[in-house]
C-alpha atoms as a PDB file:
ATOM      1  CA  MET A   1      10.433  25.696   0.926  1.00  0.00           C
ATOM      2  CA  THR A   2       6.925  24.872  -0.210  1.00  0.00           C
ATOM      3  CA  TYR A   3       5.767  22.654  -3.051  1.00  0.00           C
ATOM      4  CA  LYS A   4       2.950  22.406  -5.562  1.00  0.00           C
ATOM      5  CA  ILE A   5       1.333  18.978  -5.274  1.00  0.00           C
ATOM      6  CA  ALA A   6      -1.084  17.211  -7.600  1.00  0.00           C
ATOM      7  CA  VAL A   7      -3.189  14.232  -6.540  1.00  0.00           C
ATOM      8  CA  VAL A   8      -4.275  12.174  -9.551  1.00  0.00           C
ATOM      9  CA  GLY A   9      -7.333  10.001  -8.942  1.00  0.00           C
ATOM     10  CA  ALA A  10      -8.435  12.388  -6.215  1.00  0.00           C
ATOM     11  CA  THR A  11     -12.042  11.183  -6.088  1.00  0.00           C
ATOM     12  CA  GLY A  12     -11.117   7.535  -5.418  1.00  0.00           C
ATOM     13  CA  ASN A  13     -10.621   5.899  -2.027  1.00  0.00           C
ATOM     14  CA  VAL A  14      -6.825   6.201  -2.117  1.00  0.00           C
ATOM     15  CA  GLY A  15      -6.822   9.699  -3.630  1.00  0.00           C
ATOM     16  CA  ARG A  16      -9.079  11.024  -0.887  1.00  0.00           C
ATOM     17  CA  GLU A  17      -6.848   9.396   1.710  1.00  0.00           C
ATOM     18  CA  MET A  18      -3.773  11.011   0.123  1.00  0.00           C
ATOM     19  CA  LEU A  19      -5.380  14.431   0.495  1.00  0.00           C
ATOM     20  CA  ASN A  20      -6.286  13.768   4.122  1.00  0.00           C
ATOM     21  CA  ILE A  21      -2.780  12.571   4.979  1.00  0.00           C
ATOM     22  CA  LEU A  22      -1.020  15.442   3.200  1.00  0.00           C
ATOM     23  CA  SER A  23      -3.041  17.836   5.326  1.00  0.00           C
ATOM     24  CA  ALA A  24      -2.774  15.886   8.594  1.00  0.00           C
ATOM     25  CA  ARG A  25       1.017  15.543   8.319  1.00  0.00           C
ATOM     26  CA  ARG A  26       1.342  19.205   7.294  1.00  0.00           C
ATOM     27  CA  PHE A  27       3.289  18.517   4.158  1.00  0.00           C
ATOM     28  CA  PRO A  28       4.877  21.814   3.040  1.00  0.00           C
ATOM     29  CA  ALA A  29       2.514  22.465   0.160  1.00  0.00           C
ATOM     30  CA  ARG A  30       1.882  25.926  -1.217  1.00  0.00           C
ATOM     31  CA  GLU A  31      -0.866  24.525  -3.465  1.00  0.00           C
ATOM     32  CA  VAL A  32      -2.651  21.198  -3.864  1.00  0.00           C
ATOM     33  CA  VAL A  33      -4.495  20.296  -7.064  1.00  0.00           C
ATOM     34  CA  ALA A  34      -7.077  17.511  -7.305  1.00  0.00           C
ATOM     35  CA  LEU A  35      -7.143  15.740 -10.679  1.00  0.00           C
ATOM     36  CA  ALA A  36      -9.567  13.134 -12.006  1.00  0.00           C
ATOM     37  CA  SER A  37     -11.271  11.948 -15.174  1.00  0.00           C
ATOM     38  CA  THR A  38     -13.691  13.997 -17.230  1.00  0.00           C
ATOM     39  CA  ARG A  39     -16.701  12.349 -15.567  1.00  0.00           C
ATOM     40  CA  SER A  40     -15.493  13.689 -12.194  1.00  0.00           C
ATOM     41  CA  LEU A  41     -14.957  17.274 -13.409  1.00  0.00           C
ATOM     42  CA  GLY A  42     -16.114  19.741 -10.789  1.00  0.00           C
ATOM     43  CA  LYS A  43     -16.540  17.224  -7.971  1.00  0.00           C
ATOM     44  CA  LYS A  44     -15.578  18.499  -4.542  1.00  0.00           C
ATOM     45  CA  VAL A  45     -13.025  16.702  -2.373  1.00  0.00           C
ATOM     46  CA  SER A  46     -11.781  17.563   1.097  1.00  0.00           C
ATOM     47  CA  TYR A  47      -8.247  18.625   1.844  1.00  0.00           C
ATOM     48  CA  GLY A  48      -8.072  18.345   5.612  1.00  0.00           C
ATOM     49  CA  GLU A  49     -10.900  19.607   7.777  1.00  0.00           C
ATOM     50  CA  GLN A  50     -11.124  23.102   6.353  1.00  0.00           C
ATOM     51  CA  ASP A  51     -10.355  23.171   2.646  1.00  0.00           C
ATOM     52  CA  ILE A  52     -12.489  21.922  -0.248  1.00  0.00           C
ATOM     53  CA  LEU A  53     -10.860  21.360  -3.641  1.00  0.00           C
ATOM     54  CA  THR A  54     -12.663  21.284  -6.985  1.00  0.00           C
ATOM     55  CA  THR A  55     -11.399  18.563  -9.290  1.00  0.00           C
ATOM     56  CA  GLN A  56      -9.774  19.393 -12.598  1.00  0.00           C
ATOM     57  CA  VAL A  57      -9.475  17.137 -15.636  1.00  0.00           C
ATOM     58  CA  LEU A  58      -6.264  15.144 -15.891  1.00  0.00           C
ATOM     59  CA  ASP A  59      -5.975  15.002 -19.673  1.00  0.00           C
ATOM     60  CA  ARG A  60      -6.060  18.809 -19.961  1.00  0.00           C
ATOM     61  CA  PHE A  61      -3.686  19.537 -17.098  1.00  0.00           C
ATOM     62  CA  ASP A  62      -0.163  20.971 -17.492  1.00  0.00           C
ATOM     63  CA  PHE A  63       2.326  19.566 -14.933  1.00  0.00           C
ATOM     64  CA  SER A  64       5.024  22.137 -15.769  1.00  0.00           C
ATOM     65  CA  ASP A  65       4.831  23.927 -12.421  1.00  0.00           C
ATOM     66  CA  VAL A  66       3.992  20.855 -10.287  1.00  0.00           C
ATOM     67  CA  ASP A  67       6.746  19.540  -8.031  1.00  0.00           C
ATOM     68  CA  ILE A  68       5.251  16.205  -6.915  1.00  0.00           C
ATOM     69  CA  ALA A  69       2.288  14.234  -8.265  1.00  0.00           C
ATOM     70  CA  LEU A  70       0.745  11.421  -6.256  1.00  0.00           C
ATOM     71  CA  PHE A  71      -0.917   9.047  -8.724  1.00  0.00           C
ATOM     72  CA  SER A  72      -3.642   6.510  -7.937  1.00  0.00           C
ATOM     73  CA  PRO A  73      -5.920   6.498 -10.987  1.00  0.00           C
ATOM     74  CA  GLY A  74      -5.555   2.905 -12.246  1.00  0.00           C
ATOM     75  CA  SER A  75      -2.669   1.319 -14.108  1.00  0.00           C
ATOM     76  CA  ALA A  76      -3.765   2.231 -17.638  1.00  0.00           C
ATOM     77  CA  VAL A  77      -4.101   5.914 -16.764  1.00  0.00           C
ATOM     78  CA  SER A  78      -0.748   5.963 -14.976  1.00  0.00           C
ATOM     79  CA  LYS A  79       0.906   4.303 -17.965  1.00  0.00           C
ATOM     80  CA  GLU A  80      -0.248   7.168 -20.194  1.00  0.00           C
ATOM     81  CA  PHE A  81       0.025  10.188 -17.934  1.00  0.00           C
ATOM     82  CA  ALA A  82       2.804   9.477 -15.421  1.00  0.00           C
ATOM     83  CA  PRO A  83       5.584   9.677 -18.067  1.00  0.00           C
ATOM     84  CA  LYS A  84       4.021  12.885 -19.418  1.00  0.00           C
ATOM     85  CA  ALA A  85       4.096  14.456 -15.966  1.00  0.00           C
ATOM     86  CA  ALA A  86       7.636  13.191 -15.344  1.00  0.00           C
ATOM     87  CA  SER A  87       8.827  14.674 -18.638  1.00  0.00           C
ATOM     88  CA  ARG A  88       7.730  18.098 -17.360  1.00  0.00           C
ATOM     89  CA  GLY A  89      10.062  17.804 -14.373  1.00  0.00           C
ATOM     90  CA  CYS A  90       7.371  16.635 -11.969  1.00  0.00           C
ATOM     91  CA  VAL A  91       8.285  13.752  -9.649  1.00  0.00           C
ATOM     92  CA  VAL A  92       5.574  11.095  -9.877  1.00  0.00           C
ATOM     93  CA  ILE A  93       4.868   8.748  -6.961  1.00  0.00           C
ATOM     94  CA  ASP A  94       2.656   6.088  -8.496  1.00  0.00           C
ATOM     95  CA  ASN A  95       0.394   3.768  -6.512  1.00  0.00           C
ATOM     96  CA  THR A  96      -0.584   1.499  -9.406  1.00  0.00           C
ATOM     97  CA  SER A  97       1.074  -1.709 -10.591  1.00  0.00           C
ATOM     98  CA  CYS A  98       2.274  -0.074 -13.816  1.00  0.00           C
ATOM     99  CA  PHE A  99       5.928   0.670 -12.979  1.00  0.00           C
ATOM    100  CA  ARG A 100       6.724  -1.573 -10.002  1.00  0.00           C
ATOM    101  CA  MET A 101       8.888  -4.114 -11.775  1.00  0.00           C
ATOM    102  CA  ASP A 102      10.641  -1.664 -14.110  1.00  0.00           C
ATOM    103  CA  PRO A 103      14.340  -2.026 -13.184  1.00  0.00           C
ATOM    104  CA  GLU A 104      14.944   1.711 -13.721  1.00  0.00           C
ATOM    105  CA  ILE A 105      12.150   2.783 -11.342  1.00  0.00           C
ATOM    106  CA  PRO A 106      12.585   2.558  -7.551  1.00  0.00           C
ATOM    107  CA  LEU A 107       9.995   0.485  -5.693  1.00  0.00           C
ATOM    108  CA  VAL A 108      10.058   2.022  -2.244  1.00  0.00           C
ATOM    109  CA  VAL A 109       8.838   1.543   1.299  1.00  0.00           C
ATOM    110  CA  PRO A 110      10.659   4.246   3.303  1.00  0.00           C
ATOM    111  CA  GLU A 111      11.071   2.142   6.458  1.00  0.00           C
ATOM    112  CA  VAL A 112      12.638  -0.635   4.386  1.00  0.00           C
ATOM    113  CA  ASN A 113      14.623   0.678   1.403  1.00  0.00           C
ATOM    114  CA  ALA A 114      14.603   4.477   1.338  1.00  0.00           C
ATOM    115  CA  ALA A 115      18.107   4.386  -0.156  1.00  0.00           C
ATOM    116  CA  ALA A 116      16.567   3.230  -3.449  1.00  0.00           C
ATOM    117  CA  LEU A 117      15.326   6.819  -3.884  1.00  0.00           C
ATOM    118  CA  ALA A 118      18.845   7.964  -4.719  1.00  0.00           C
ATOM    119  CA  GLY A 119      18.227   7.380  -8.430  1.00  0.00           C
ATOM    120  CA  PHE A 120      14.748   8.875  -8.634  1.00  0.00           C
ATOM    121  CA  ARG A 121      15.730  11.540 -11.189  1.00  0.00           C
ATOM    122  CA  LYS A 122      16.578   8.898 -13.807  1.00  0.00           C
ATOM    123  CA  ARG A 123      12.909   8.597 -14.741  1.00  0.00           C
ATOM    124  CA  ASN A 124      11.227  11.003 -12.274  1.00  0.00           C
ATOM    125  CA  ILE A 125       8.888   8.133 -11.321  1.00  0.00           C
ATOM    126  CA  ILE A 126       8.803   6.203  -8.033  1.00  0.00           C
ATOM    127  CA  ALA A 127       6.536   3.198  -7.513  1.00  0.00           C
ATOM    128  CA  ASN A 128       4.484   2.294  -4.466  1.00  0.00           C
ATOM    129  CA  PRO A 129       4.329  -1.486  -3.852  1.00  0.00           C
ATOM    130  CA  ASN A 130       1.200  -3.578  -3.668  1.00  0.00           C
ATOM    131  CA  CYS A 131      -0.610  -2.988  -0.374  1.00  0.00           C
ATOM    132  CA  SER A 132      -0.220  -6.577   0.840  1.00  0.00           C
ATOM    133  CA  THR A 133       3.499  -6.588   0.018  1.00  0.00           C
ATOM    134  CA  MET A 134       4.033  -3.276   1.727  1.00  0.00           C
ATOM    135  CA  GLN A 135       2.833  -4.202   5.187  1.00  0.00           C
ATOM    136  CA  MET A 136       4.664  -7.525   5.053  1.00  0.00           C
ATOM    137  CA  VAL A 137       8.071  -6.039   4.210  1.00  0.00           C
ATOM    138  CA  VAL A 138       7.738  -3.410   6.952  1.00  0.00           C
ATOM    139  CA  ALA A 139       7.146  -6.237   9.421  1.00  0.00           C
ATOM    140  CA  LEU A 140       9.913  -8.470   8.089  1.00  0.00           C
ATOM    141  CA  LYS A 141      12.730  -5.990   7.389  1.00  0.00           C
ATOM    142  CA  PRO A 142      14.069  -5.930  10.993  1.00  0.00           C
ATOM    143  CA  LEU A 143      13.886  -9.733  11.204  1.00  0.00           C
ATOM    144  CA  HIS A 144      15.688 -10.131   7.886  1.00  0.00           C
ATOM    145  CA  ASP A 145      18.436  -7.795   9.076  1.00  0.00           C
ATOM    146  CA  LEU A 146      18.800  -9.857  12.239  1.00  0.00           C
ATOM    147  CA  ALA A 147      18.821 -13.430  10.926  1.00  0.00           C
ATOM    148  CA  GLY A 148      18.383 -13.465   7.135  1.00  0.00           C
ATOM    149  CA  ILE A 149      15.074 -14.747   5.767  1.00  0.00           C
ATOM    150  CA  LYS A 150      15.371 -17.733   3.398  1.00  0.00           C
ATOM    151  CA  ARG A 151      11.711 -18.446   2.694  1.00  0.00           C
ATOM    152  CA  ILE A 152       8.313 -16.875   3.324  1.00  0.00           C
ATOM    153  CA  VAL A 153       4.952 -18.632   3.225  1.00  0.00           C
ATOM    154  CA  VAL A 154       2.116 -16.117   3.526  1.00  0.00           C
ATOM    155  CA  ALA A 155      -1.667 -16.294   3.416  1.00  0.00           C
ATOM    156  CA  THR A 156      -3.440 -12.958   3.098  1.00  0.00           C
ATOM    157  CA  TYR A 157      -6.896 -11.904   4.287  1.00  0.00           C
ATOM    158  CA  GLN A 158      -7.515  -8.845   2.133  1.00  0.00           C
ATOM    159  CA  SER A 159     -10.329  -6.370   2.677  1.00  0.00           C
ATOM    160  CA  VAL A 160     -12.773  -5.377  -0.034  1.00  0.00           C
ATOM    161  CA  SER A 161     -11.464  -1.791  -0.070  1.00  0.00           C
ATOM    162  CA  GLY A 162      -8.505  -3.213  -1.974  1.00  0.00           C
ATOM    163  CA  ALA A 163     -10.937  -3.543  -4.882  1.00  0.00           C
ATOM    164  CA  GLY A 164     -12.021   0.094  -4.592  1.00  0.00           C
ATOM    165  CA  LYS A 165     -15.361   1.686  -3.825  1.00  0.00           C
ATOM    166  CA  GLU A 166     -17.177  -0.875  -5.988  1.00  0.00           C
ATOM    167  CA  GLY A 167     -15.848  -3.681  -3.802  1.00  0.00           C
ATOM    168  CA  MET A 168     -16.972  -1.940  -0.622  1.00  0.00           C
ATOM    169  CA  ASP A 169     -20.391  -1.235  -2.094  1.00  0.00           C
ATOM    170  CA  GLU A 170     -20.825  -4.860  -3.170  1.00  0.00           C
ATOM    171  CA  LEU A 171     -20.103  -6.173   0.320  1.00  0.00           C
ATOM    172  CA  PHE A 172     -22.502  -3.664   1.860  1.00  0.00           C
ATOM    173  CA  GLU A 173     -25.341  -4.353  -0.588  1.00  0.00           C
ATOM    174  CA  GLN A 174     -24.989  -8.140  -0.430  1.00  0.00           C
ATOM    175  CA  THR A 175     -24.877  -8.144   3.370  1.00  0.00           C
ATOM    176  CA  LYS A 176     -27.922  -5.891   3.624  1.00  0.00           C
ATOM    177  CA  ALA A 177     -29.843  -8.050   1.146  1.00  0.00           C
ATOM    178  CA  LEU A 178     -29.126 -11.293   2.997  1.00  0.00           C
ATOM    179  CA  PHE A 179     -30.683  -9.938   6.187  1.00  0.00           C
ATOM    180  CA  VAL A 180     -34.017  -9.589   4.364  1.00  0.00           C
ATOM    181  CA  ASN A 181     -33.649 -12.950   2.611  1.00  0.00           C
ATOM    182  CA  GLU A 182     -32.690 -11.493  -0.760  1.00  0.00           C
ATOM    183  CA  GLN A 183     -29.756 -12.207  -3.043  1.00  0.00           C
ATOM    184  CA  LYS A 184     -27.542  -9.653  -4.762  1.00  0.00           C
ATOM    185  CA  PRO A 185     -25.442 -11.103  -7.607  1.00  0.00           C
ATOM    186  CA  ALA A 186     -21.672 -10.738  -7.683  1.00  0.00           C
ATOM    187  CA  HIS A 187     -20.316  -8.113 -10.069  1.00  0.00           C
ATOM    188  CA  LYS A 188     -16.999  -6.862  -8.724  1.00  0.00           C
ATOM    189  CA  PHE A 189     -15.971 -10.224  -7.269  1.00  0.00           C
ATOM    190  CA  THR A 190     -16.109 -13.689  -8.832  1.00  0.00           C
ATOM    191  CA  LYS A 191     -18.382 -15.073  -6.104  1.00  0.00           C
ATOM    192  CA  ARG A 192     -20.553 -13.670  -3.342  1.00  0.00           C
ATOM    193  CA  ILE A 193     -18.327 -11.831  -0.849  1.00  0.00           C
ATOM    194  CA  ALA A 194     -20.831 -11.372   1.991  1.00  0.00           C
ATOM    195  CA  PHE A 195     -20.271 -14.080   4.660  1.00  0.00           C
ATOM    196  CA  ASN A 196     -17.776 -15.741   2.342  1.00  0.00           C
ATOM    197  CA  VAL A 197     -14.058 -15.791   1.467  1.00  0.00           C
ATOM    198  CA  ILE A 198     -12.690 -15.892  -2.072  1.00  0.00           C
ATOM    199  CA  PRO A 199      -9.221 -17.391  -2.757  1.00  0.00           C
ATOM    200  CA  HIS A 200      -8.782 -15.355  -5.915  1.00  0.00           C
ATOM    201  CA  ILE A 201      -7.420 -11.810  -6.328  1.00  0.00           C
ATOM    202  CA  ASP A 202      -6.437 -10.524  -9.786  1.00  0.00           C
ATOM    203  CA  GLU A 203      -6.131 -12.775 -12.847  1.00  0.00           C
ATOM    204  CA  PHE A 204      -4.874 -16.366 -12.923  1.00  0.00           C
ATOM    205  CA  MET A 205      -1.447 -17.147 -14.333  1.00  0.00           C
ATOM    206  CA  ASP A 206      -0.250 -20.237 -16.199  1.00  0.00           C
ATOM    207  CA  ASP A 207       1.183 -21.919 -13.089  1.00  0.00           C
ATOM    208  CA  GLY A 208      -2.113 -21.687 -11.187  1.00  0.00           C
ATOM    209  CA  SER A 209      -1.125 -18.759  -8.989  1.00  0.00           C
ATOM    210  CA  THR A 210      -2.825 -15.384  -9.279  1.00  0.00           C
ATOM    211  CA  LYS A 211      -1.184 -12.139 -10.290  1.00  0.00           C
ATOM    212  CA  GLU A 212      -1.644 -10.808  -6.749  1.00  0.00           C
ATOM    213  CA  GLU A 213       0.372 -13.740  -5.433  1.00  0.00           C
ATOM    214  CA  TRP A 214       3.027 -13.186  -8.095  1.00  0.00           C
ATOM    215  CA  LYS A 215       3.230  -9.503  -7.124  1.00  0.00           C
ATOM    216  CA  MET A 216       3.882 -10.357  -3.495  1.00  0.00           C
ATOM    217  CA  ALA A 217       6.761 -12.641  -4.423  1.00  0.00           C
ATOM    218  CA  GLN A 218       8.414 -10.414  -7.020  1.00  0.00           C
ATOM    219  CA  GLU A 219       7.977  -7.138  -5.147  1.00  0.00           C
ATOM    220  CA  THR A 220       9.372  -8.631  -1.931  1.00  0.00           C
ATOM    221  CA  LYS A 221      12.449  -9.726  -3.843  1.00  0.00           C
ATOM    222  CA  LYS A 222      12.931  -6.266  -5.365  1.00  0.00           C
ATOM    223  CA  ILE A 223      12.408  -4.398  -2.090  1.00  0.00           C
ATOM    224  CA  LEU A 224      13.913  -6.705   0.506  1.00  0.00           C
ATOM    225  CA  ASP A 225      16.234  -9.309  -1.047  1.00  0.00           C
ATOM    226  CA  PRO A 226      16.191 -11.144  -4.410  1.00  0.00           C
ATOM    227  CA  ALA A 227      17.338 -14.352  -2.692  1.00  0.00           C
ATOM    228  CA  ILE A 228      14.193 -14.715  -0.571  1.00  0.00           C
ATOM    229  CA  GLU A 229      11.750 -17.359  -1.775  1.00  0.00           C
ATOM    230  CA  VAL A 230       8.096 -16.394  -1.379  1.00  0.00           C
ATOM    231  CA  VAL A 231       4.903 -18.391  -1.791  1.00  0.00           C
ATOM    232  CA  ALA A 232       1.623 -16.575  -1.247  1.00  0.00           C
ATOM    233  CA  THR A 233      -2.071 -17.434  -1.155  1.00  0.00           C
ATOM    234  CA  CYS A 234      -4.148 -14.263  -1.474  1.00  0.00           C
ATOM    235  CA  VAL A 235      -7.732 -14.299  -0.249  1.00  0.00           C
ATOM    236  CA  ARG A 236     -10.485 -11.677  -0.313  1.00  0.00           C
ATOM    237  CA  VAL A 237     -12.497 -11.536   2.920  1.00  0.00           C
ATOM    238  CA  PRO A 238     -15.709  -9.689   3.916  1.00  0.00           C
ATOM    239  CA  VAL A 239     -13.951  -6.882   5.799  1.00  0.00           C
ATOM    240  CA  PHE A 240     -14.213  -3.246   4.708  1.00  0.00           C
ATOM    241  CA  LEU A 241     -10.761  -1.984   5.754  1.00  0.00           C
ATOM    242  CA  CYS A 242      -7.353  -3.455   6.616  1.00  0.00           C
ATOM    243  CA  HIS A 243      -5.477  -6.404   5.188  1.00  0.00           C
ATOM    244  CA  SER A 244      -4.310  -9.199   7.479  1.00  0.00           C
ATOM    245  CA  GLU A 245      -1.590 -11.763   6.838  1.00  0.00           C
ATOM    246  CA  ALA A 246      -0.453 -15.002   8.420  1.00  0.00           C
ATOM    247  CA  VAL A 247       3.281 -15.118   7.724  1.00  0.00           C
ATOM    248  CA  ASN A 248       5.646 -18.043   8.234  1.00  0.00           C
ATOM    249  CA  MET A 249       9.390 -17.440   7.878  1.00  0.00           C
ATOM    250  CA  GLU A 250      12.424 -19.693   7.670  1.00  0.00           C
ATOM    251  CA  PHE A 251      15.723 -17.997   8.562  1.00  0.00           C
ATOM    252  CA  LYS A 252      19.357 -18.605   7.668  1.00  0.00           C
ATOM    253  CA  ARG A 253      20.523 -18.172  11.256  1.00  0.00           C
ATOM    254  CA  PRO A 254      19.066 -18.925  14.687  1.00  0.00           C
ATOM    255  CA  ILE A 255      16.510 -16.405  15.944  1.00  0.00           C
ATOM    256  CA  SER A 256      14.462 -16.629  19.129  1.00  0.00           C
ATOM    257  CA  VAL A 257      11.031 -15.172  19.792  1.00  0.00           C
ATOM    258  CA  GLU A 258      12.609 -12.869  22.382  1.00  0.00           C
ATOM    259  CA  GLU A 259      15.173 -11.569  19.888  1.00  0.00           C
ATOM    260  CA  ALA A 260      12.442 -10.998  17.318  1.00  0.00           C
ATOM    261  CA  TRP A 261      10.298  -9.116  19.826  1.00  0.00           C
ATOM    262  CA  ALA A 262      13.236  -6.900  20.783  1.00  0.00           C
ATOM    263  CA  VAL A 263      13.933  -5.700  17.222  1.00  0.00           C
ATOM    264  CA  LEU A 264      10.269  -5.370  16.246  1.00  0.00           C
ATOM    265  CA  GLU A 265       9.408  -3.203  19.236  1.00  0.00           C
ATOM    266  CA  VAL A 266      11.852  -0.509  18.076  1.00  0.00           C
ATOM    267  CA  ALA A 267      11.364  -0.918  14.302  1.00  0.00           C
ATOM    268  CA  PRO A 268      10.037   2.107  12.384  1.00  0.00           C
ATOM    269  CA  GLY A 269       6.389   1.828  11.370  1.00  0.00           C
ATOM    270  CA  VAL A 270       5.793  -1.294  13.480  1.00  0.00           C
ATOM    271  CA  VAL A 271       3.402  -1.651  16.422  1.00  0.00           C
ATOM    272  CA  VAL A 272       3.744  -4.845  18.469  1.00  0.00           C
ATOM    273  CA  GLN A 273       0.429  -5.878  20.035  1.00  0.00           C
ATOM    274  CA  ASP A 274       1.072  -9.374  21.273  1.00  0.00           C
ATOM    275  CA  GLN A 275      -0.289 -10.501  24.603  1.00  0.00           C
ATOM    276  CA  ARG A 276      -1.020 -14.191  24.898  1.00  0.00           C
ATOM    277  CA  HIS A 277      -4.533 -13.929  26.237  1.00  0.00           C
ATOM    278  CA  ASP A 278      -8.025 -13.422  24.841  1.00  0.00           C
ATOM    279  CA  GLY A 279      -8.082 -10.267  22.721  1.00  0.00           C
ATOM    280  CA  GLY A 280      -4.362  -9.583  23.088  1.00  0.00           C
ATOM    281  CA  TYR A 281      -3.787  -9.322  19.329  1.00  0.00           C
ATOM    282  CA  ALA A 282      -4.520  -6.935  16.478  1.00  0.00           C
ATOM    283  CA  THR A 283      -7.540  -7.274  14.185  1.00  0.00           C
ATOM    284  CA  PRO A 284      -8.777  -5.118  11.297  1.00  0.00           C
ATOM    285  CA  PHE A 285     -11.516  -3.591  13.466  1.00  0.00           C
ATOM    286  CA  GLU A 286      -9.173  -1.590  15.687  1.00  0.00           C
ATOM    287  CA  CYS A 287      -6.410  -1.025  13.090  1.00  0.00           C
ATOM    288  CA  ALA A 288      -8.615   0.843  10.589  1.00  0.00           C
ATOM    289  CA  GLY A 289      -7.524   4.456  10.308  1.00  0.00           C
ATOM    290  CA  GLU A 290      -4.167   3.787  11.976  1.00  0.00           C
ATOM    291  CA  ASP A 291      -0.768   4.360  10.376  1.00  0.00           C
ATOM    292  CA  GLY A 292       1.161   1.449  11.857  1.00  0.00           C
ATOM    293  CA  VAL A 293       1.837  -2.112  10.765  1.00  0.00           C
ATOM    294  CA  TYR A 294       0.559  -4.203  13.682  1.00  0.00           C
ATOM    295  CA  ILE A 295       2.250  -7.462  14.632  1.00  0.00           C
ATOM    296  CA  SER A 296       0.742 -10.164  16.836  1.00  0.00           C
ATOM    297  CA  ARG A 297       0.900 -13.921  17.451  1.00  0.00           C
ATOM    298  CA  LEU A 298       4.714 -14.075  17.183  1.00  0.00           C
ATOM    299  CA  ARG A 299       5.785 -17.641  17.910  1.00  0.00           C
ATOM    300  CA  GLU A 300       8.326 -20.306  17.051  1.00  0.00           C
ATOM    301  CA  ASP A 301       7.710 -22.668  14.137  1.00  0.00           C
ATOM    302  CA  LYS A 302       9.188 -25.959  15.302  1.00  0.00           C
ATOM    303  CA  THR A 303       8.580 -27.717  11.972  1.00  0.00           C
ATOM    304  CA  VAL A 304      11.596 -26.052  10.315  1.00  0.00           C
ATOM    305  CA  LYS A 305      15.059 -25.050  11.441  1.00  0.00           C
ATOM    306  CA  HIS A 306      15.108 -21.391  12.503  1.00  0.00           C
ATOM    307  CA  GLY A 307      11.385 -20.782  11.924  1.00  0.00           C
ATOM    308  CA  LEU A 308       8.973 -18.114  13.188  1.00  0.00           C
ATOM    309  CA  SER A 309       5.327 -17.308  12.488  1.00  0.00           C
ATOM    310  CA  LEU A 310       3.428 -14.076  13.039  1.00  0.00           C
ATOM    311  CA  TRP A 311       0.213 -12.182  12.256  1.00  0.00           C
ATOM    312  CA  VAL A 312       0.322  -8.793  10.477  1.00  0.00           C
ATOM    313  CA  VAL A 313      -2.517  -6.246  10.150  1.00  0.00           C
ATOM    314  CA  SER A 314      -2.468  -2.817   8.519  1.00  0.00           C
ATOM    315  CA  ASP A 315      -4.869  -0.317   6.981  1.00  0.00           C
ATOM    316  CA  ASN A 316      -4.468  -0.931   3.252  1.00  0.00           C
ATOM    317  CA  LEU A 317      -5.674   2.539   2.267  1.00  0.00           C
ATOM    318  CA  ARG A 318      -3.222   4.247   4.609  1.00  0.00           C
ATOM    319  CA  LYS A 319       0.145   2.488   4.964  1.00  0.00           C
ATOM    320  CA  GLY A 320      -0.802   0.167   2.119  1.00  0.00           C
ATOM    321  CA  ALA A 321      -1.215   3.070  -0.299  1.00  0.00           C
ATOM    322  CA  ALA A 322      -1.695   6.751   0.563  1.00  0.00           C
ATOM    323  CA  LEU A 323       0.537   7.104   3.620  1.00  0.00           C
ATOM    324  CA  ASN A 324       3.463   5.362   1.937  1.00  0.00           C
ATOM    325  CA  ALA A 325       3.227   7.736  -1.022  1.00  0.00           C
ATOM    326  CA  VAL A 326       3.264  10.772   1.256  1.00  0.00           C
ATOM    327  CA  GLN A 327       6.176   9.325   3.245  1.00  0.00           C
ATOM    328  CA  ILE A 328       8.130   8.958  -0.005  1.00  0.00           C
ATOM    329  CA  ALA A 329       7.435  12.623  -0.777  1.00  0.00           C
ATOM    330  CA  GLU A 330       8.653  13.554   2.706  1.00  0.00           C
ATOM    331  CA  GLU A 331      11.842  11.554   2.171  1.00  0.00           C
ATOM    332  CA  LEU A 332      12.513  13.310  -1.138  1.00  0.00           C
ATOM    333  CA  VAL A 333      12.196  16.697   0.527  1.00  0.00           C
ATOM    334  CA  ALA A 334      14.121  15.863   3.708  1.00  0.00           C
ATOM    335  CA  ASN A 335      16.916  13.621   2.449  1.00  0.00           C
ATOM    336  CA  TYR A 336      17.183  13.590  -1.347  1.00  0.00           C
ATOM    337  CA  GLY A 337      17.462  17.239  -2.281  1.00  0.00           C
ATOM    338  CA  LEU A 338      14.120  17.762  -4.016  1.00  0.00           C
ATOM    339  CA  ALA A 339      13.780  21.526  -4.291  1.00  0.00           C
ATOM    340  CA  PRO A 340      10.589  23.226  -5.462  1.00  0.00           C
ATOM    341  CA  LYS A 341      10.436  24.723  -8.913  1.00  0.00           C
ATOM    342  CA  LYS A 342      10.804  28.486  -9.134  1.00  0.00           C
ATOM    343  CA  VAL A 343       7.476  30.293  -8.896  1.00  0.00           C
ATOM    344  CA  ASN A 344       7.063  33.028 -11.502  1.00  0.00           C
END
């Protein structure tokens, strides 16, 4: 069986990564279509090492013969076009924030809650979580199964690629300017990002938290367990790729470092890199371009009963976005009976 696939937002960072991963993982596609806005009409994007696709315009495209559409065009675009595609029988896997908290739409990380896909035909839309949530729940799922997580305190160190190409360009231009004693004003971020950290991602809410922090809490509850309490501080850092997180957990039952190591080392999607010597831990530099969720610095937190702390790093464009979407598509094909439409 082979499928017709559409990638919406194909000229963006995540869209390009989706195309690369579909090709690299040899997804059974008979045809792949690259879709973007009118201003990107005719742009060329790579599909693997050999094929070049020419972008088509989203608002003139008919999804009637498309089996799966991977969406990453921005929330407003997904809100308009994802339901239209779904109404034509196309299964939409959406990477934006638009549908994540809709109770009728599964919010899925395959290593964590693939069973939530069972009801995907209700709306024909499946949501990808926020990138920072995604890597955290992959890391914490095996620990939650073992000892039951009561509370999570997490501080994130999020790369500028999470803000798209404009965020990456701003870091590059500001850094380059500073080396010649010039200043480039902030446009994408609220303050200078070069050689700085900004404790502000997304808009502020009434309680003083940001929407990014709210997303981490609410999405973790939906994916992992509604009883878990989560408090997050989300910070933008001058790194091009990969989000990092310092995670502190309080458990319901006793759990030792050795027990945690044992379950993490065999957990799907997890790579344990934790040697207690100089350089024996994961950083964004070596995790960029990798598929795994890397775990380091696992240790006991003696300030609470049944506490552990750890360090999590993952490529936010891959597992944090594009790879997860492709993995969902693979799950639908392998385990949830998604058959391709008949080809005339």
